[in-house]
Amino acid sequence: MRDLALKTGGKPFHIDKIENLSETFRQVAQELGQQYTLGYYPEKSGKGGERRKITVKVDIPNVAVRSRNEVVFRKSGK
């Protein structure tokens, strides 16, 4: 799950005991309530399978930015 979170720009949550599940869900709900969604529309469309690096920066102190570090263009027919 950690790898999936890192590839998608998410935050991994670790649950060491089932008793901590409620607290973890509370943290997830809090995270979801403090998110923004950004879109990426390139000037030139990429070819299928092409990868482009992306960087997201903000000019706000004391915030965490989590995002993907690249986009992959879909191959035609998918």
Protein backbone atom coordinates (compact mmCIF):
# COMPACT_ATOMS: atom_id res chain seq x y z
CA MET A 1 0.00 0.00 0.00
CA ARG A 2 2.93 2.32 0.66
CA ASP A 3 4.13 1.97 -2.96
CA LEU A 4 0.63 2.70 -4.28
CA ALA A 5 0.39 5.82 -2.13
CA LEU A 6 3.78 7.08 -3.30
CA LYS A 7 3.01 6.44 -7.00
CA THR A 8 -0.31 8.26 -6.83
CA GLY A 9 0.80 11.17 -4.64
CA GLY A 10 -1.12 9.90 -1.64
CA LYS A 11 -0.10 9.56 1.97
CA PRO A 12 0.56 6.09 3.37
CA PHE A 13 -1.06 5.16 6.67
CA HIS A 14 0.34 2.38 8.84
CA ILE A 15 -1.90 0.32 11.09
CA ASP A 16 0.04 -1.78 13.59
CA LYS A 17 -2.98 -2.94 15.62
CA ILE A 18 -6.61 -3.43 14.67
CA GLU A 19 -7.51 -1.36 17.72
CA ASN A 20 -5.96 1.67 15.96
CA LEU A 21 -8.23 1.36 12.91
CA SER A 22 -10.71 4.02 14.08
CA GLU A 23 -7.90 6.54 14.61
CA THR A 24 -6.48 5.79 11.17
CA PHE A 25 -9.89 6.32 9.54
CA ARG A 26 -10.19 9.62 11.42
CA GLN A 27 -6.80 10.69 9.99
CA VAL A 28 -7.84 9.67 6.47
CA ALA A 29 -11.09 11.65 6.77
CA GLN A 30 -9.15 14.68 8.03
CA GLU A 31 -6.72 14.44 5.08
CA LEU A 32 -9.55 14.18 2.56
CA GLY A 33 -11.16 17.30 4.00
CA GLN A 34 -8.00 19.35 3.41
CA GLN A 35 -7.19 18.47 -0.21
CA TYR A 36 -7.23 20.28 -3.52
CA THR A 37 -7.40 18.61 -6.89
CA LEU A 38 -5.37 19.99 -9.78
CA GLY A 39 -5.62 19.08 -13.46
CA TYR A 40 -2.84 18.87 -16.03
CA TYR A 41 -3.60 19.80 -19.64
CA PRO A 42 -0.45 19.82 -21.82
CA GLU A 43 -0.15 22.18 -24.79
CA LYS A 44 0.85 19.22 -26.97
CA SER A 45 -0.63 15.80 -26.39
CA GLY A 46 1.91 13.08 -25.73
CA LYS A 47 2.28 9.81 -27.57
CA GLY A 48 0.99 6.60 -25.99
CA GLY A 49 3.29 5.48 -23.21
CA GLU A 50 5.21 8.79 -23.15
CA ARG A 51 6.16 9.99 -19.66
CA ARG A 52 6.52 13.61 -18.60
CA LYS A 53 7.86 14.85 -15.29
CA ILE A 54 5.70 17.23 -13.28
CA THR A 55 6.38 19.32 -10.20
CA VAL A 56 3.80 20.96 -7.97
CA LYS A 57 4.92 23.92 -5.86
CA VAL A 58 2.99 26.30 -3.63
CA ASP A 59 3.90 29.64 -2.13
CA ILE A 60 2.27 28.97 1.23
CA PRO A 61 4.36 28.30 4.34
CA ASN A 62 3.85 25.23 6.53
CA VAL A 63 1.84 23.11 4.07
CA ALA A 64 2.53 19.64 2.72
CA VAL A 65 2.36 19.04 -1.02
CA ARG A 66 1.92 15.48 -2.21
CA SER A 67 1.56 14.78 -5.89
CA ARG A 68 2.58 12.44 -8.63
CA ASN A 69 6.00 13.16 -10.06
CA GLU A 70 5.11 12.22 -13.63
CA VAL A 71 2.22 11.64 -16.01
CA VAL A 72 2.00 8.80 -18.50
CA PHE A 73 -0.04 9.25 -21.64
CA ARG A 74 -2.44 6.48 -22.49
CA LYS A 75 -1.86 4.33 -25.52
CA SER A 76 -4.56 4.69 -28.16
CA GLY A 77 -7.49 2.31 -27.91
CA LYS A 78 -7.52 2.21 -24.09
